[in-house]
Amino acid sequence: MATDIQQLTQDLRDFAQVRQWEMFHSPKNLASALSVEAAELLEHFQWMSEAKSRNLTAAKRAEIGTEIADVFLYLLQLADKLDIDVIEAAKSKMLANASKYPVPPPA
């Protein structure tokens, strides 16, 4: 049985295939598109205070959710093209971070 990530990845493959977009989905192009979408996400927070960024309206949250989805979808496509398991890569990175940044001793 496919996981949600595997199914979403397959759905992305199918979506691109029926539109004949595979020729445009090189790792370089997907990384570029990912960067653009991440910038669009950041744009929502430009000039916003820390406090306001923590207390968004429902409409703003929905807009940001759409940008987060764009980033996530391009990231999945890039990982698929490079045959990288995003869940395993994330777990490995978290382990590396835990080693690099140990919990400080109590004060």
C-alpha atoms as a PDB file:
ATOM      1  CA  MET A   1       0.000   0.000   0.000  1.00  0.00           C
ATOM      2  CA  ALA A   2       1.384   3.403  -0.990  1.00  0.00           C
ATOM      3  CA  THR A   3       1.993   6.066   1.601  1.00  0.00           C
ATOM      4  CA  ASP A   4       0.429   9.497   1.210  1.00  0.00           C
ATOM      5  CA  ILE A   5       3.796  10.853   0.027  1.00  0.00           C
ATOM      6  CA  GLN A   6       4.187   8.053  -2.528  1.00  0.00           C
ATOM      7  CA  GLN A   7       0.648   8.572  -3.805  1.00  0.00           C
ATOM      8  CA  LEU A   8       1.101  12.326  -4.053  1.00  0.00           C
ATOM      9  CA  THR A   9       4.374  11.804  -5.920  1.00  0.00           C
ATOM     10  CA  GLN A  10       2.625   9.480  -8.372  1.00  0.00           C
ATOM     11  CA  ASP A  11      -0.195  11.992  -8.783  1.00  0.00           C
ATOM     12  CA  LEU A  12       2.404  14.657  -9.626  1.00  0.00           C
ATOM     13  CA  ARG A  13       4.007  12.335 -12.199  1.00  0.00           C
ATOM     14  CA  ASP A  14       0.606  11.648 -13.768  1.00  0.00           C
ATOM     15  CA  PHE A  15      -0.321  15.347 -13.756  1.00  0.00           C
ATOM     16  CA  ALA A  16       2.877  16.281 -15.608  1.00  0.00           C
ATOM     17  CA  GLN A  17       2.698  13.326 -17.990  1.00  0.00           C
ATOM     18  CA  VAL A  18      -0.794  14.022 -19.326  1.00  0.00           C
ATOM     19  CA  ARG A  19       0.225  17.641 -19.914  1.00  0.00           C
ATOM     20  CA  GLN A  20       3.505  16.574 -21.560  1.00  0.00           C
ATOM     21  CA  TRP A  21       5.522  18.663 -19.065  1.00  0.00           C
ATOM     22  CA  GLU A  22       8.219  16.065 -18.231  1.00  0.00           C
ATOM     23  CA  MET A  23      10.668  17.726 -20.634  1.00  0.00           C
ATOM     24  CA  PHE A  24      10.567  20.848 -18.446  1.00  0.00           C
ATOM     25  CA  HIS A  25      10.997  19.021 -15.140  1.00  0.00           C
ATOM     26  CA  SER A  26      14.763  18.681 -14.958  1.00  0.00           C
ATOM     27  CA  PRO A  27      16.271  18.856 -11.475  1.00  0.00           C
ATOM     28  CA  LYS A  28      17.663  22.314 -12.318  1.00  0.00           C
ATOM     29  CA  ASN A  29      14.276  23.635 -13.433  1.00  0.00           C
ATOM     30  CA  LEU A  30      12.472  22.133 -10.450  1.00  0.00           C
ATOM     31  CA  ALA A  31      15.028  23.610  -8.028  1.00  0.00           C
ATOM     32  CA  SER A  32      14.583  26.996  -9.703  1.00  0.00           C
ATOM     33  CA  ALA A  33      10.800  26.764  -9.473  1.00  0.00           C
ATOM     34  CA  LEU A  34      11.094  25.716  -5.830  1.00  0.00           C
ATOM     35  CA  SER A  35      13.207  28.792  -5.104  1.00  0.00           C
ATOM     36  CA  VAL A  36      10.668  31.068  -6.788  1.00  0.00           C
ATOM     37  CA  GLU A  37       7.800  29.550  -4.815  1.00  0.00           C
ATOM     38  CA  ALA A  38       9.763  29.869  -1.551  1.00  0.00           C
ATOM     39  CA  ALA A  39      10.247  33.565  -2.366  1.00  0.00           C
ATOM     40  CA  GLU A  40       6.504  33.918  -2.973  1.00  0.00           C
ATOM     41  CA  LEU A  41       5.923  32.367   0.449  1.00  0.00           C
ATOM     42  CA  LEU A  42       8.357  34.807   2.027  1.00  0.00           C
ATOM     43  CA  GLU A  43       6.661  37.717   0.291  1.00  0.00           C
ATOM     44  CA  HIS A  44       3.592  37.206   2.496  1.00  0.00           C
ATOM     45  CA  PHE A  45       5.716  37.965   5.559  1.00  0.00           C
ATOM     46  CA  GLN A  46       7.671  40.874   4.085  1.00  0.00           C
ATOM     47  CA  TRP A  47       7.350  43.962   6.279  1.00  0.00           C
ATOM     48  CA  MET A  48       5.228  42.057   8.803  1.00  0.00           C
ATOM     49  CA  SER A  49       6.098  42.207  12.476  1.00  0.00           C
ATOM     50  CA  GLU A  50       6.991  39.083  14.432  1.00  0.00           C
ATOM     51  CA  ALA A  51       3.754  39.438  16.385  1.00  0.00           C
ATOM     52  CA  LYS A  52       1.601  39.780  13.282  1.00  0.00           C
ATOM     53  CA  SER A  53       3.297  36.768  11.677  1.00  0.00           C
ATOM     54  CA  ARG A  54       2.059  34.711  14.643  1.00  0.00           C
ATOM     55  CA  ASN A  55      -1.508  36.043  14.453  1.00  0.00           C
ATOM     56  CA  LEU A  56      -2.680  35.766  10.853  1.00  0.00           C
ATOM     57  CA  THR A  57      -6.195  36.203   9.556  1.00  0.00           C
ATOM     58  CA  ALA A  58      -7.931  33.143   8.142  1.00  0.00           C
ATOM     59  CA  ALA A  59      -7.660  34.605   4.643  1.00  0.00           C
ATOM     60  CA  LYS A  60      -3.908  35.224   4.999  1.00  0.00           C
ATOM     61  CA  ARG A  61      -3.403  31.714   6.399  1.00  0.00           C
ATOM     62  CA  ALA A  62      -5.194  30.292   3.346  1.00  0.00           C
ATOM     63  CA  GLU A  63      -2.983  32.316   0.976  1.00  0.00           C
ATOM     64  CA  ILE A  64       0.142  31.156   2.796  1.00  0.00           C
ATOM     65  CA  GLY A  65      -1.137  27.582   2.760  1.00  0.00           C
ATOM     66  CA  THR A  66      -1.324  27.745  -1.028  1.00  0.00           C
ATOM     67  CA  GLU A  67       2.294  28.905  -1.222  1.00  0.00           C
ATOM     68  CA  ILE A  68       3.398  26.197   1.214  1.00  0.00           C
ATOM     69  CA  ALA A  69       1.667  23.653  -1.032  1.00  0.00           C
ATOM     70  CA  ASP A  70       3.532  24.991  -4.080  1.00  0.00           C
ATOM     71  CA  VAL A  71       6.872  24.679  -2.258  1.00  0.00           C
ATOM     72  CA  PHE A  72       6.015  21.175  -1.060  1.00  0.00           C
ATOM     73  CA  LEU A  73       4.901  19.970  -4.489  1.00  0.00           C
ATOM     74  CA  TYR A  74       8.028  21.233  -6.235  1.00  0.00           C
ATOM     75  CA  LEU A  75      10.169  19.712  -3.493  1.00  0.00           C
ATOM     76  CA  LEU A  76       8.471  16.326  -3.968  1.00  0.00           C
ATOM     77  CA  GLN A  77       8.990  16.494  -7.722  1.00  0.00           C
ATOM     78  CA  LEU A  78      12.656  17.388  -7.289  1.00  0.00           C
ATOM     79  CA  ALA A  79      13.180  14.540  -4.819  1.00  0.00           C
ATOM     80  CA  ASP A  80      11.408  12.167  -7.213  1.00  0.00           C
ATOM     81  CA  LYS A  81      13.630  13.156 -10.135  1.00  0.00           C
ATOM     82  CA  LEU A  82      16.743  12.621  -7.982  1.00  0.00           C
ATOM     83  CA  ASP A  83      15.398   9.411  -6.398  1.00  0.00           C
ATOM     84  CA  ILE A  84      15.629  10.856  -2.879  1.00  0.00           C
ATOM     85  CA  ASP A  85      13.266   9.629  -0.187  1.00  0.00           C
ATOM     86  CA  VAL A  86      12.260  12.909   1.479  1.00  0.00           C
ATOM     87  CA  ILE A  87      11.146  11.222   4.696  1.00  0.00           C
ATOM     88  CA  GLU A  88      14.428   9.322   5.070  1.00  0.00           C
ATOM     89  CA  ALA A  89      16.435  12.413   4.163  1.00  0.00           C
ATOM     90  CA  ALA A  90      14.533  14.444   6.773  1.00  0.00           C
ATOM     91  CA  LYS A  91      15.034  11.792   9.454  1.00  0.00           C
ATOM     92  CA  SER A  92      18.739  11.621   8.669  1.00  0.00           C
ATOM     93  CA  LYS A  93      19.036  15.405   8.829  1.00  0.00           C
ATOM     94  CA  MET A  94      17.225  15.537  12.185  1.00  0.00           C
ATOM     95  CA  LEU A  95      19.664  12.960  13.588  1.00  0.00           C
ATOM     96  CA  ALA A  96      22.596  14.991  12.285  1.00  0.00           C
ATOM     97  CA  ASN A  97      21.129  18.159  13.821  1.00  0.00           C
ATOM     98  CA  ALA A  98      20.632  16.414  17.167  1.00  0.00           C
ATOM     99  CA  SER A  99      24.282  15.424  17.144  1.00  0.00           C
ATOM    100  CA  LYS A 100      25.468  18.837  16.002  1.00  0.00           C
ATOM    101  CA  TYR A 101      23.245  20.741  18.448  1.00  0.00           C
ATOM    102  CA  PRO A 102      22.979  18.700  21.649  1.00  0.00           C
ATOM    103  CA  VAL A 103      20.529  19.609  24.388  1.00  0.00           C
ATOM    104  CA  PRO A 104      22.257  22.020  26.754  1.00  0.00           C
ATOM    105  CA  PRO A 105      22.630  20.998  30.373  1.00  0.00           C
ATOM    106  CA  PRO A 106      20.088  22.476  32.812  1.00  0.00           C
ATOM    107  CA  ALA A 107      21.033  25.908  34.114  1.00  0.00           C
END
